Structures are given as C-alpha cells and as structure tokens.
Amino acid sequence: MRRTLLTLLACLSLLLGALATVTPAQADEPETSQWRGYWVDAFNAGIYTPQQVTTLIEDAQAVNANALIVQTGRRYDCFCNRALYPRTDAAIDPAPYDPLDEVIRQAHAADLEVHAWVNVNTLWNSATPPTSPEHAFNQHGPTAEGYDRWLNRKADGTEFVGANAYIDPGHPAAVDYIESAIRSIVREYDVDGVNLDYIRYPDGSSATTHSDWGYNEVSVARFQAATGRDDVPEPADGQWSDWRRDQVTNLVRRLYLGIWEEDPRARLSINAITYANGPQAVGGFEQTRTYREVLQDWAGWLDEGIVDTVVAMNYKRDWQPEQRQMFAEWTEFLADAQGDRQAVNGPALYLNSIADSLRQAQLSLAPTAAGNTAAGWSGYSYATPSLDVPGTPATEERAALVEALTTGPDAPFAEPAAVPEMTWKTAPDDGHLTGELTLRDGTPLDGAEVTLLPLGAGERRTAVADGSGWFGFAHLPAGHYLVRVSLPHGVVGVPLLPARIGAGSLTEVDFPPYLALPGH
C-alpha cells in the first residue's frame, strides 16, 4: 500500500512539473492552423481614420480572424506615407496619419497579421489625374511619349477602358518601378507580407481564348527582338501569348526574390483568377480562362515556389446552380494544386446570403477526394459582408456573418486558429540566386539565356534575362554551381562564373559588363 501511494505521489509530482513548464502563451496557442481573414478594400471605409481601424480590428477578432489583406497600393497611390508610391488623394485623415502604420500597430497588438494589398497593373481609374506630379500616371501615362509611356494597349490601339488605365508588364521600366515600390513597403513597414492583385493582363478581350492586351510599343519591339519576327502578332498568336504570360511570371519571380531580400520571412501572396469552370471541366489548367485570357499562371507559380500563398478570388453565387458547381471545381483544384505551398479560398461575400457564405466556407475547408484541404478562407470583403437585406447597415450584416461562422455545431471558425507556418521560410533548406547582365554602356542583355549547372546532385535549370537584364532562380538545393550565360552574337565577356548557394540565403552573382563588338 505504501509503495502504491509513493508511486501515485511520484506521478503527481511529474504531472505538476510538466504543467509548470507550460507557459500561459503556450496554453493559449490555437491548436488549428488555418488562414482566416478579410480583404479590406480602400474604396470603402475601414482604414481612413484610427477609429475605423479600431472597429476593423474588433470585427476581425469577432470572427476569429488571424490575417487581414489591407489595400495599401490602390492605383499606384499609397495608403501610407513612406513608400515609393505617392500618398493617396483619398479622403483619409490628414498627415501625419499613416493608415498602414495604424493598421499594423493595432492589428499586431491583437495578434493579427497584416498583408499589404497592392494592385500591380492598374494604373489609374478616374477622369481627374492624381494630384502628385510623381504619380506614375502623370509621369508615364497619356502625356508621355516613346519609352516613357508605360500604358498597356489593346491590339486595336485602345489604352483606356472608360477611365481605367493599365501598366504593360512587358515594359522593363514599369517592372523596375513596381519592384522598387513594393520593396519600399516591405522595407519601411512591419508588414507580415505583400498581397499582389491584378498580377495579370486586363479583362475585356474579344474572346475567352486569348488576350487583346500587351501592345505597348516597347513590349512589341521586345517580342520581335526575342523571336526574330518583324510582324505585329495577332492576339491569338500562341508564341505571343506565351511571351506575354512569361512577362507576368518573370515579374512574380522578381518580386518574390526582391521581397525575400528585404525580409526573408515576409509572405508573398497573390490574388488568383478563377473565371468560369475549373480545370477539371475544361481539359486542364492551361485551357482555363485564367491561363489563356488574362495570362495568369498561378498554378505554375505554386509549383515553382515563387509565391507562398495563392488567395483564389473564387467569386461565385452559391444560389445559382451553375456557379455553385464552378465554385466547387475551383475549390477542389485549389486544394490539390497547392503542393508544398499554401492556397486560400476567397469567396465573394457580397454575392451571397449569410447562409450561402456559410456553406461556401464549409466547402472551402473540407478535404477533397484526394484528401487535400485548402490552407484557409479570406472573405471579400470586409466592407460588403453579404447580399442580404439591401439597405441594411454593413455592421448588422457583418454581425450576422460572424454569428454564422463562429456559433453552432457546424460553425467553421468557432475556435481561434493560427496562420499556417511557412516552413520553407522559417526553416529553409534551400536558397536563391540572382544576377544582372548588361553591356558596358548599361544596355541590358534582354532575353539572354542563363543556365545553372550543379556541381554535384541537382537539376540543370535555365532562365531568361528580363528587359532590365535581371535573372533569378528560386529554391535551389544548397551547394556549388556554375552559372553560364549564352552570349548573343557579337557580344564578348565572361560567360561562366561559380556560385555557392546556402540554405536560406540569396546569392548575387556579379557578371562584369559585356562588350559589344563594332558592327553588332
């Protein structure tokens, strides 16, 4: 009896000792790992004043959110004070008020992540020009000429759709500016990540099988130089479509590695198009309107690992049977395509009743037939939480949405959750490599092929220098490599350099400027 009592006392002591090692923070940590949040647009109230931000944070906490995608760069203006983009003309509180600073301060105090939402290729959308003379619309819009004109253009010469103007991602100077502006946000603000919107070609093409956009004169000239052609390609030309799609992918890769250089743990997410039916209904991802019409290869970006998170704009009406099917198809593809990265389903709250949005949230987080589950949910949007009862204040609609999502036996967000960890960033076992190729006069070697040769285990990989001569490789196994440049005819210089890739590092290989021989 005495031995039994001593044994019980020993076990009790061990149990109390184990409990004592659990800190309050550990005890409170959510067991679930799942992205939850809202897109917070800057065309509506939400971040215009500190009081609006306080309400936003309280509303996010009420739905057990853990991340907010907050519109920061709207139309090449910034809801912030310290970025390359000029401060917005919107009716926010006067300076020194900084919306992004205020959101970060209040959100981080509430254990919410903040992801700066930046519209990449939407330049301006008003008949009145922006007031800042530094705004890209004033510098490189309709009054600019030649190389200084960055406007995207349709095959028929159209540059504006109503008051909407766009940037051509095939213009090297525009790409340089976009990268610098986004890096400035990461460098100046304690954001948890950057969310890219409109990282694609515009809508409004004449068919769903190709894009009518991309006819900026600089872009067409680059395509002709790259292919040896002298014609202006038709919108449905396959080679032309591939080249334009590559311009978007090159921009994503460059932003991914640029953000990594500023902050290796910042998340890059992109807003993914999911027009019409999913890939399984049309013959594969390359047959979707996403890939063919707006030239956005987000499935390929996940596969290459140049985005951390895809947030699908899965905007479908659950109350319409055809769109309900579309939502289910994209939901399944999204979960199965994420691989070792993360994909978040983003339903359109404004198109659905509270009951419809609840059903879409439940489906978003359910396992697919292959056993995969999306990384989470992001509702569009905070400002328009439902289709219910026209005229009802958004506060009432949002409260109803919160109740549906957090209470009851089938509520998907009844308990708190943590944002899923990015192990490829928090504990990396690979690294990255970048470089630039230019002539001695500063001319970039646009289109030069770069081959990466591993000295040991690993695969040979190739890249093409962009319009500024930049090239990059993401997620390379650690080790030693040779970097080989295939020089154009008439260009001489160093064609081969060694490089060492370390886990979690970004290596810059420094090729000396090249010499163009006379007559070439």
Protein backbone atom coordinates (compact mmCIF):
# COMPACT_ATOMS: atom_id res chain seq x y z
CA MET A 1 0.00 0.00 0.00
CA ARG A 2 2.81 2.35 0.95
CA ARG A 3 4.61 1.61 -2.36
CA THR A 4 1.43 2.32 -4.32
CA LEU A 5 0.99 5.62 -2.50
CA LEU A 6 4.59 6.63 -3.20
CA THR A 7 4.14 5.77 -6.87
CA LEU A 8 0.99 7.89 -7.08
CA LEU A 9 2.77 10.79 -5.39
CA ALA A 10 5.68 10.50 -7.83
CA CYS A 11 3.34 10.53 -10.82
CA LEU A 12 1.51 13.54 -9.42
CA SER A 13 4.82 15.35 -8.96
CA LEU A 14 5.84 14.64 -12.56
CA LEU A 15 2.46 15.85 -13.82
CA LEU A 16 2.67 19.08 -11.83
CA GLY A 17 6.22 19.62 -13.06
CA ALA A 18 5.12 19.17 -16.68
CA LEU A 19 2.24 21.59 -16.23
CA ALA A 20 4.59 24.11 -14.69
CA THR A 21 6.68 24.15 -17.86
CA VAL A 22 3.69 25.19 -19.98
CA THR A 23 3.72 28.98 -20.22
CA PRO A 24 0.47 30.95 -20.42
CA ALA A 25 1.27 31.80 -24.05
CA GLN A 26 1.69 28.10 -24.88
CA ALA A 27 -1.53 27.23 -23.13
CA ASP A 28 -3.40 29.84 -25.18
CA GLU A 29 -1.93 28.90 -28.55
CA PRO A 30 -4.59 27.80 -31.05
CA GLU A 31 -4.46 24.14 -31.97
CA THR A 32 -5.76 24.76 -35.51
CA SER A 33 -3.53 26.09 -38.30
CA GLN A 34 -5.74 27.85 -40.82
CA TRP A 35 -5.70 31.21 -42.60
CA ARG A 36 -8.80 33.29 -41.77
CA GLY A 37 -9.48 36.87 -42.66
CA TYR A 38 -10.96 39.56 -44.84
CA TRP A 39 -9.83 41.56 -47.81
CA VAL A 40 -10.12 45.19 -46.62
CA ASP A 41 -10.50 47.43 -49.65
CA ALA A 42 -9.57 51.10 -49.66
CA PHE A 43 -12.51 52.28 -51.76
CA ASN A 44 -14.73 51.97 -48.68
CA ALA A 45 -14.48 52.85 -45.00
CA GLY A 46 -12.19 50.71 -42.90
CA ILE A 47 -8.79 52.38 -42.64
CA TYR A 48 -9.48 56.07 -43.32
CA THR A 49 -9.20 57.04 -39.63
CA PRO A 50 -7.76 55.47 -36.47
CA GLN A 51 -11.33 54.96 -35.21
CA GLN A 52 -12.22 52.96 -38.33
CA VAL A 53 -9.12 50.83 -37.81
CA THR A 54 -10.17 50.11 -34.22
CA THR A 55 -13.58 48.93 -35.44
CA LEU A 56 -11.91 46.82 -38.14
CA ILE A 57 -9.72 45.05 -35.59
CA GLU A 58 -12.65 44.40 -33.27
CA ASP A 59 -14.67 42.96 -36.17
CA ALA A 60 -11.76 40.74 -37.21
CA GLN A 61 -11.38 39.41 -33.68
CA ALA A 62 -15.12 38.70 -33.51
CA VAL A 63 -14.89 36.28 -36.45
CA ASN A 64 -11.72 34.65 -35.05
CA ALA A 65 -9.67 36.02 -37.95
CA ASN A 66 -5.88 35.96 -37.85
CA ALA A 67 -4.92 37.86 -41.02
CA LEU A 68 -6.08 40.96 -42.88
CA ILE A 69 -5.32 41.75 -46.52
CA VAL A 70 -5.39 45.54 -46.39
CA GLN A 71 -5.38 47.58 -49.59
CA THR A 72 -2.25 49.70 -49.48
CA GLY A 73 -1.37 50.41 -53.12
CA ARG A 74 -4.70 51.03 -54.85
CA ARG A 75 -3.95 52.72 -58.20
CA TYR A 76 -0.23 53.49 -57.89
CA ASP A 77 -1.13 55.63 -54.88
CA CYS A 78 -0.42 54.53 -51.34
CA PHE A 79 -2.43 54.46 -48.13
CA CYS A 80 0.87 55.08 -46.38
CA ASN A 81 3.48 57.81 -46.09
CA ARG A 82 6.86 56.14 -46.59
CA ALA A 83 6.69 54.19 -49.84
CA LEU A 84 7.76 54.98 -53.38
CA TYR A 85 4.10 55.20 -54.36
CA PRO A 86 2.85 58.75 -53.57
CA ARG A 87 0.34 59.25 -50.76
CA THR A 88 -3.24 58.74 -51.87
CA ASP A 89 -5.68 61.54 -52.69
CA ALA A 90 -8.46 59.63 -50.91
CA ALA A 91 -10.24 61.33 -48.00
CA ILE A 92 -8.15 59.77 -45.24
CA ASP A 93 -7.20 61.69 -42.11
CA PRO A 94 -4.51 64.28 -42.89
CA ALA A 95 -0.83 63.61 -42.39
CA PRO A 96 0.91 62.63 -40.24
CA TYR A 97 -1.79 59.95 -40.11
CA ASP A 98 -0.45 56.83 -41.85
CA PRO A 99 -3.16 54.19 -42.45
CA LEU A 100 -0.73 51.31 -42.90
CA ASP A 101 1.19 52.20 -39.76
CA GLU A 102 -2.04 52.43 -37.78
CA VAL A 103 -3.38 49.11 -39.05
CA ILE A 104 -0.09 47.37 -38.26
CA ARG A 105 0.05 48.89 -34.76
CA GLN A 106 -3.46 47.89 -33.79
CA ALA A 107 -3.50 44.54 -35.62
CA HIS A 108 -0.23 43.31 -34.17
CA ALA A 109 -1.37 44.25 -30.69
CA ALA A 110 -4.36 41.97 -31.34
CA ASP A 111 -2.20 39.11 -32.78
CA LEU A 112 -3.47 39.72 -36.31
CA GLU A 113 -1.19 39.60 -39.35
CA VAL A 114 -1.24 42.46 -41.88
CA HIS A 115 -0.64 41.82 -45.58
CA ALA A 116 -0.24 44.90 -47.75
CA TRP A 117 -2.57 44.52 -50.74
CA VAL A 118 -1.07 46.14 -53.85
CA ASN A 119 -2.74 46.42 -57.25
CA VAL A 120 0.14 45.72 -59.62
CA ASN A 121 -1.02 46.64 -63.12
CA THR A 122 -3.96 49.03 -62.56
CA LEU A 123 -2.53 52.50 -63.09
CA TRP A 124 -5.50 54.87 -62.64
CA ASN A 125 -9.31 54.88 -62.81
CA SER A 126 -10.55 58.45 -62.77
CA ALA A 127 -11.08 61.18 -65.36
CA THR A 128 -9.26 63.50 -62.93
CA PRO A 129 -5.49 62.87 -62.81
CA PRO A 130 -3.81 62.29 -59.44
CA THR A 131 -2.52 65.43 -57.73
CA SER A 132 1.02 64.20 -57.17
CA PRO A 133 3.34 65.08 -60.07
CA GLU A 134 5.35 61.97 -59.08
CA HIS A 135 2.43 59.63 -59.70
CA ALA A 136 3.19 57.13 -62.47
CA PHE A 137 0.04 58.19 -64.36
CA ASN A 138 1.38 61.75 -64.62
CA GLN A 139 4.92 60.63 -65.41
CA HIS A 140 4.26 57.68 -67.72
CA GLY A 141 0.60 57.86 -68.72
CA PRO A 142 -1.21 59.56 -71.62
CA THR A 143 1.08 62.61 -71.76
CA ALA A 144 4.28 60.54 -72.01
CA GLU A 145 5.85 59.50 -75.29
CA GLY A 146 8.14 56.77 -76.55
CA TYR A 147 9.92 54.69 -73.94
CA ASP A 148 8.44 56.82 -71.14
CA ARG A 149 4.91 55.69 -71.98
CA TRP A 150 4.07 52.60 -69.87
CA LEU A 151 0.39 52.25 -70.78
CA ASN A 152 -0.93 48.85 -71.76
CA ARG A 153 -2.64 48.87 -75.12
CA LYS A 154 -5.07 46.65 -76.99
CA ALA A 155 -4.43 45.36 -80.50
CA ASP A 156 -6.84 47.99 -81.86
CA GLY A 157 -4.90 50.80 -80.15
CA THR A 158 -7.26 51.27 -77.19
CA GLU A 159 -5.47 52.31 -73.99
CA PHE A 160 -8.40 53.28 -71.76
CA VAL A 161 -11.48 51.32 -70.74
CA GLY A 162 -13.67 54.13 -69.53
CA ALA A 163 -11.32 55.95 -67.15
CA ASN A 164 -9.28 52.81 -66.39
CA ALA A 165 -5.65 52.72 -67.46
CA TYR A 166 -3.21 49.84 -67.02
CA ILE A 167 0.53 49.21 -66.95
CA ASP A 168 2.06 46.86 -69.51
CA PRO A 169 4.08 44.17 -67.63
CA GLY A 170 6.25 43.77 -70.74
CA HIS A 171 7.71 47.27 -70.28
CA PRO A 172 11.06 46.99 -68.41
CA ALA A 173 10.92 50.43 -66.79
CA ALA A 174 7.44 49.71 -65.41
CA VAL A 175 8.67 46.42 -63.96
CA ASP A 176 11.63 48.18 -62.33
CA TYR A 177 9.28 50.71 -60.75
CA ILE A 178 6.84 48.07 -59.49
CA GLU A 179 9.62 46.10 -57.84
CA SER A 180 11.12 49.22 -56.21
CA ALA A 181 7.73 50.37 -54.92
CA ILE A 182 6.77 47.04 -53.39
CA ARG A 183 10.18 46.57 -51.85
CA SER A 184 9.87 50.03 -50.30
CA ILE A 185 6.69 48.94 -48.48
CA VAL A 186 8.39 45.83 -47.09
CA ARG A 187 11.46 47.83 -46.11
CA GLU A 188 9.61 50.72 -44.44
CA TYR A 189 6.75 48.89 -42.71
CA ASP A 190 6.49 45.89 -40.40
CA VAL A 191 4.10 44.05 -42.71
CA ASP A 192 3.73 40.30 -42.48
CA GLY A 193 3.56 40.06 -46.23
CA VAL A 194 2.51 41.56 -49.54
CA ASN A 195 -0.61 40.56 -51.48
CA LEU A 196 -0.50 41.17 -55.24
CA ASP A 197 -3.72 41.93 -57.08
CA TYR A 198 -4.14 42.42 -60.85
CA ILE A 199 -0.93 40.49 -61.40
CA ARG A 200 -2.08 39.65 -64.91
CA TYR A 201 -3.32 41.23 -68.14
CA PRO A 202 -6.60 43.21 -68.07
CA ASP A 203 -10.09 41.92 -68.73
CA GLY A 204 -12.20 42.98 -71.69
CA SER A 205 -10.71 40.91 -74.50
CA SER A 206 -12.78 39.97 -77.54
CA ALA A 207 -12.65 36.23 -76.72
CA THR A 208 -12.03 33.93 -73.78
CA THR A 209 -9.20 32.10 -75.54
CA HIS A 210 -6.64 34.91 -75.73
CA SER A 211 -5.80 38.42 -74.55
CA ASP A 212 -6.16 41.52 -76.73
CA TRP A 213 -3.75 43.40 -74.44
CA GLY A 214 0.04 43.84 -74.37
CA TYR A 215 0.60 46.05 -77.42
CA ASN A 216 2.68 48.78 -75.82
CA GLU A 217 5.26 49.65 -78.49
CA VAL A 218 8.19 48.74 -76.22
CA SER A 219 6.67 45.33 -75.46
CA VAL A 220 6.03 44.51 -79.11
CA ALA A 221 9.59 45.52 -80.02
CA ARG A 222 10.97 43.26 -77.26
CA PHE A 223 8.89 40.35 -78.52
CA GLN A 224 10.14 40.89 -82.06
CA ALA A 225 13.76 41.01 -80.87
CA ALA A 226 13.30 37.84 -78.81
CA THR A 227 11.70 35.85 -81.64
CA GLY A 228 13.33 37.31 -84.73
CA ARG A 229 9.92 38.23 -86.11
CA ASP A 230 9.09 41.58 -87.71
CA ASP A 231 5.29 41.39 -87.66
CA VAL A 232 2.86 42.65 -85.05
CA PRO A 233 1.35 39.40 -83.73
CA GLU A 234 -2.35 38.72 -83.63
CA PRO A 235 -3.94 38.44 -80.16
CA ALA A 236 -4.48 34.68 -80.59
CA ASP A 237 -0.88 34.01 -81.68
CA GLY A 238 0.39 31.21 -79.43
CA GLN A 239 4.00 32.41 -79.33
CA TRP A 240 2.85 35.92 -78.45
CA SER A 241 0.57 34.62 -75.69
CA ASP A 242 3.40 32.56 -74.20
CA TRP A 243 5.75 35.56 -74.27
CA ARG A 244 3.22 37.83 -72.55
CA ARG A 245 2.43 35.20 -69.92
CA ASP A 246 6.16 34.86 -69.27
CA GLN A 247 6.36 38.61 -68.58
CA VAL A 248 3.89 38.22 -65.70
CA THR A 249 5.70 35.16 -64.37
CA ASN A 250 9.06 36.93 -64.57
CA LEU A 251 7.59 39.84 -62.60
CA VAL A 252 6.25 37.50 -59.90
CA ARG A 253 9.63 35.75 -59.63
CA ARG A 254 11.43 39.07 -59.37
CA LEU A 255 9.05 40.34 -56.68
CA TYR A 256 9.34 37.09 -54.74
CA LEU A 257 13.12 37.27 -54.63
CA GLY A 258 13.14 41.03 -54.07
CA ILE A 259 10.83 40.69 -51.07
CA TRP A 260 12.97 37.83 -49.77
CA GLU A 261 16.00 40.11 -49.94
CA GLU A 262 14.19 42.77 -47.89
CA ASP A 263 12.63 40.38 -45.36
CA PRO A 264 13.17 36.60 -45.77
CA ARG A 265 10.10 35.80 -43.65
CA ALA A 266 7.60 38.11 -45.36
CA ARG A 267 4.85 36.21 -47.18
CA LEU A 268 4.12 36.83 -50.85
CA SER A 269 0.50 36.08 -51.71
CA ILE A 270 -1.31 36.67 -54.98
CA ASN A 271 -4.97 37.06 -55.85
CA ALA A 272 -5.81 34.31 -58.30
CA ILE A 273 -8.37 34.45 -61.10
CA THR A 274 -10.97 31.65 -61.20
CA TYR A 275 -13.19 32.65 -64.11
CA ALA A 276 -15.92 30.23 -65.23
CA ASN A 277 -15.41 26.48 -64.80
CA GLY A 278 -12.44 24.85 -63.13
CA PRO A 279 -9.61 22.99 -64.91
CA GLN A 280 -11.18 19.57 -64.44
CA ALA A 281 -14.18 20.68 -66.53
CA VAL A 282 -12.30 22.26 -69.46
CA GLY A 283 -9.34 19.94 -70.06
CA GLY A 284 -6.74 21.21 -67.61
CA PHE A 285 -5.42 24.46 -66.16
CA GLU A 286 -3.88 25.56 -69.45
CA GLN A 287 -7.34 25.54 -71.01
CA THR A 288 -8.89 27.82 -68.40
CA ARG A 289 -9.73 31.47 -68.96
CA THR A 290 -7.23 32.24 -66.19
CA TYR A 291 -4.31 30.90 -68.20
CA ARG A 292 -5.49 31.82 -71.71
CA GLU A 293 -7.45 35.06 -71.39
CA VAL A 294 -5.69 37.01 -68.63
CA LEU A 295 -2.36 35.12 -68.95
CA GLN A 296 -2.01 34.30 -65.26
CA ASP A 297 -0.21 31.02 -64.50
CA TRP A 298 -0.75 30.85 -60.75
CA ALA A 299 -0.67 27.05 -60.72
CA GLY A 300 2.81 27.23 -62.23
CA TRP A 301 3.87 29.81 -59.65
CA LEU A 302 2.85 27.46 -56.85
CA ASP A 303 4.77 24.65 -58.49
CA GLU A 304 7.92 26.76 -58.86
CA GLY A 305 7.57 28.09 -55.33
CA ILE A 306 7.68 31.77 -56.32
CA VAL A 307 4.53 32.54 -54.36
CA ASP A 308 3.96 31.48 -50.78
CA THR A 309 0.18 31.67 -50.86
CA VAL A 310 -2.44 31.80 -53.59
CA VAL A 311 -5.65 33.50 -52.48
CA ALA A 312 -8.27 32.49 -55.01
CA MET A 313 -10.86 35.08 -55.96
CA ASN A 314 -13.50 32.37 -56.13
CA TYR A 315 -16.35 34.80 -56.67
CA LYS A 316 -19.39 32.64 -57.38
CA ARG A 317 -23.08 32.82 -56.44
CA ASP A 318 -23.95 29.79 -54.35
CA TRP A 319 -27.65 30.29 -55.11
CA GLN A 320 -27.08 29.74 -58.85
CA PRO A 321 -26.54 26.01 -59.58
CA GLU A 322 -24.08 26.64 -62.44
CA GLN A 323 -21.92 28.96 -60.34
CA ARG A 324 -22.17 26.64 -57.32
CA GLN A 325 -20.59 23.95 -59.50
CA MET A 326 -17.86 26.37 -60.63
CA PHE A 327 -17.08 27.20 -57.00
CA ALA A 328 -16.78 23.51 -56.13
CA GLU A 329 -14.49 22.82 -59.10
CA TRP A 330 -12.09 25.64 -58.30
CA THR A 331 -12.18 24.77 -54.59
CA GLU A 332 -11.07 21.23 -55.35
CA PHE A 333 -8.37 22.30 -57.80
CA LEU A 334 -7.09 24.95 -55.42
CA ALA A 335 -6.56 22.50 -52.56
CA ASP A 336 -4.97 19.87 -54.80
CA ALA A 337 -2.68 22.32 -56.65
CA GLN A 338 -1.06 23.92 -53.60
CA GLY A 339 1.60 21.22 -53.25
CA ASP A 340 4.02 22.21 -50.51
CA ARG A 341 2.87 25.83 -50.58
CA GLN A 342 -0.49 27.19 -49.42
CA ALA A 343 -3.77 28.06 -51.09
CA VAL A 344 -6.60 30.06 -49.52
CA ASN A 345 -10.17 30.09 -50.82
CA GLY A 346 -11.61 33.58 -51.23
CA PRO A 347 -15.42 33.62 -51.66
CA ALA A 348 -17.41 36.72 -52.60
CA LEU A 349 -19.47 37.62 -49.55
CA TYR A 350 -21.19 40.42 -51.46
CA LEU A 351 -22.70 37.97 -53.96
CA ASN A 352 -24.19 35.64 -51.36
CA SER A 353 -26.56 35.48 -48.44
CA ILE A 354 -25.21 34.68 -44.99
CA ALA A 355 -26.40 31.08 -45.37
CA ASP A 356 -24.70 30.78 -48.78
CA SER A 357 -21.45 32.18 -47.41
CA LEU A 358 -21.55 29.72 -44.53
CA ARG A 359 -21.93 26.84 -46.95
CA GLN A 360 -19.06 28.14 -49.11
CA ALA A 361 -16.82 28.50 -46.05
CA GLN A 362 -17.57 24.93 -45.01
CA LEU A 363 -16.85 23.62 -48.50
CA SER A 364 -13.67 25.73 -48.69
CA LEU A 365 -12.22 23.91 -45.69
CA ALA A 366 -13.44 20.38 -46.46
CA PRO A 367 -10.99 17.71 -47.71
CA THR A 368 -11.03 16.95 -51.43
CA ALA A 369 -11.37 13.45 -52.88
CA ALA A 370 -7.57 13.34 -52.88
CA GLY A 371 -7.53 14.17 -49.18
CA ASN A 372 -6.20 17.73 -49.54
CA THR A 373 -7.55 20.76 -47.72
CA ALA A 374 -7.13 24.43 -48.58
CA ALA A 375 -5.00 26.44 -46.19
CA GLY A 376 -7.86 28.72 -45.23
CA TRP A 377 -10.50 31.30 -46.08
CA SER A 378 -10.49 35.01 -46.95
CA GLY A 379 -13.81 36.81 -47.39
CA TYR A 380 -14.34 39.53 -49.98
CA SER A 381 -14.92 41.85 -48.50
CA TYR A 382 -14.94 43.46 -45.09
CA ALA A 383 -16.96 46.42 -46.43
CA THR A 384 -19.67 44.28 -48.08
CA PRO A 385 -20.23 41.20 -45.89
CA SER A 386 -23.38 39.87 -47.58
CA LEU A 387 -26.08 40.22 -50.19
CA ASP A 388 -28.81 40.11 -47.54
CA VAL A 389 -31.42 42.80 -46.99
CA PRO A 390 -30.49 45.71 -49.26
CA GLY A 391 -30.09 48.87 -47.25
CA THR A 392 -29.15 47.08 -44.04
CA PRO A 393 -26.07 48.69 -42.47
CA ALA A 394 -22.93 46.65 -43.06
CA THR A 395 -22.42 46.42 -39.29
CA GLU A 396 -25.62 44.37 -38.96
CA GLU A 397 -24.78 42.14 -41.90
CA ARG A 398 -21.26 41.59 -40.56
CA ALA A 399 -22.61 40.65 -37.13
CA ALA A 400 -24.89 38.09 -38.77
CA LEU A 401 -21.96 36.68 -40.73
CA VAL A 402 -19.85 36.46 -37.56
CA GLU A 403 -22.61 34.59 -35.77
CA ALA A 404 -22.98 32.11 -38.63
CA LEU A 405 -19.25 31.45 -38.89
CA THR A 406 -18.47 31.22 -35.16
CA THR A 407 -21.51 29.76 -33.39
CA GLY A 408 -23.36 26.46 -33.68
CA PRO A 409 -22.20 22.89 -34.23
CA ASP A 410 -21.24 23.44 -37.88
CA ALA A 411 -19.54 26.81 -37.44
CA PRO A 412 -16.13 26.62 -39.19
CA PHE A 413 -14.48 29.35 -37.09
CA ALA A 414 -15.81 28.53 -33.62
CA GLU A 415 -12.29 28.34 -32.19
CA PRO A 416 -9.21 30.52 -32.82
CA ALA A 417 -6.61 29.40 -35.35
CA ALA A 418 -3.01 30.27 -36.15
CA VAL A 419 -1.83 31.39 -39.60
CA PRO A 420 -0.14 28.36 -41.21
CA GLU A 421 3.64 28.39 -40.88
CA MET A 422 5.80 28.74 -43.99
CA THR A 423 8.44 26.14 -43.16
CA TRP A 424 10.28 26.86 -46.41
CA LYS A 425 10.95 30.31 -44.95
CA THR A 426 11.12 29.67 -41.21
CA ALA A 427 13.41 26.63 -41.59
CA PRO A 428 14.73 26.74 -45.18
CA ASP A 429 16.91 24.03 -46.64
CA ASP A 430 17.46 25.75 -49.98
CA GLY A 431 18.49 29.15 -51.32
CA HIS A 432 18.21 31.53 -54.27
CA LEU A 433 20.35 33.19 -56.91
CA THR A 434 20.01 36.43 -58.87
CA GLY A 435 22.12 38.49 -61.23
CA GLU A 436 22.09 41.15 -63.95
CA LEU A 437 23.53 41.12 -67.46
CA THR A 438 24.38 44.40 -69.16
CA LEU A 439 26.69 45.87 -71.76
CA ARG A 440 29.33 48.38 -70.75
CA ASP A 441 27.09 51.24 -71.82
CA GLY A 442 24.33 49.98 -69.49
CA THR A 443 22.20 48.32 -72.18
CA PRO A 444 20.60 45.19 -70.71
CA LEU A 445 21.09 41.80 -72.34
CA ASP A 446 17.35 41.34 -72.70
CA GLY A 447 16.49 37.70 -73.43
CA ALA A 448 19.95 36.25 -72.76
CA GLU A 449 19.69 32.63 -71.63
CA VAL A 450 21.28 31.71 -68.30
CA THR A 451 21.96 28.07 -67.41
CA LEU A 452 22.61 26.87 -63.87
CA LEU A 453 24.87 23.81 -63.71
CA PRO A 454 25.02 21.99 -60.36
CA LEU A 455 28.42 20.68 -59.30
CA GLY A 456 27.01 17.56 -57.69
CA ALA A 457 23.43 16.48 -57.13
CA GLY A 458 20.69 18.62 -58.60
CA GLU A 459 18.98 19.50 -61.85
CA ARG A 460 20.21 21.83 -64.57
CA ARG A 461 17.94 24.88 -64.74
CA THR A 462 17.60 27.73 -67.22
CA ALA A 463 16.29 31.28 -67.02
CA VAL A 464 15.97 34.21 -69.40
CA ALA A 465 17.13 37.72 -68.51
CA ASP A 466 14.27 40.20 -68.44
CA GLY A 467 14.08 43.61 -70.08
CA SER A 468 16.44 45.07 -67.45
CA GLY A 469 18.92 42.20 -67.74
CA TRP A 470 17.79 40.69 -64.42
CA PHE A 471 17.53 36.93 -63.92
CA GLY A 472 16.73 34.80 -60.91
CA PHE A 473 16.41 31.23 -59.65
CA ALA A 474 14.31 30.38 -56.61
CA HIS A 475 14.62 27.47 -54.20
CA LEU A 476 17.86 25.86 -55.25
CA PRO A 477 19.35 22.97 -53.25
CA ALA A 478 22.31 24.21 -51.19
CA GLY A 479 25.61 23.55 -52.90
CA HIS A 480 28.02 24.72 -55.59
CA TYR A 481 27.01 25.72 -59.12
CA LEU A 482 28.33 27.14 -62.35
CA VAL A 483 26.32 29.98 -63.89
CA ARG A 484 26.66 30.07 -67.68
CA VAL A 485 25.45 32.85 -69.97
CA SER A 486 24.75 32.18 -73.64
CA LEU A 487 26.04 35.42 -75.13
CA PRO A 488 24.41 36.92 -78.21
CA HIS A 489 26.44 37.08 -81.42
CA GLY A 490 28.90 39.96 -81.33
CA VAL A 491 28.96 40.23 -77.51
CA VAL A 492 32.09 39.18 -75.62
CA GLY A 493 32.94 38.86 -71.93
CA VAL A 494 32.88 36.43 -69.03
CA PRO A 495 30.41 33.63 -69.89
CA LEU A 496 30.81 31.49 -66.76
CA LEU A 497 31.06 32.14 -63.02
CA PRO A 498 30.93 29.90 -59.93
CA ALA A 499 28.29 30.37 -57.25
CA ARG A 500 27.65 28.85 -53.86
CA ILE A 501 24.07 28.54 -52.58
CA GLY A 502 23.50 28.36 -48.84
CA ALA A 503 20.31 27.36 -47.05
CA GLY A 504 18.12 30.42 -46.50
CA SER A 505 20.46 32.71 -48.45
CA LEU A 506 20.15 34.80 -51.58
CA THR A 507 23.33 34.78 -53.66
CA GLU A 508 24.02 37.54 -56.18
CA VAL A 509 26.33 36.54 -58.99
CA ASP A 510 28.22 39.52 -60.39
CA PHE A 511 28.97 39.26 -64.10
CA PRO A 512 31.18 42.12 -65.36
CA PRO A 513 29.55 44.28 -68.06
CA TYR A 514 29.93 42.86 -71.56
CA LEU A 515 31.44 44.41 -74.67
CA ALA A 516 29.51 44.68 -77.91
CA LEU A 517 31.88 44.40 -80.86
CA PRO A 518 31.67 47.14 -83.50
CA GLY A 519 29.05 46.45 -86.12
CA HIS A 520 26.87 44.35 -83.83
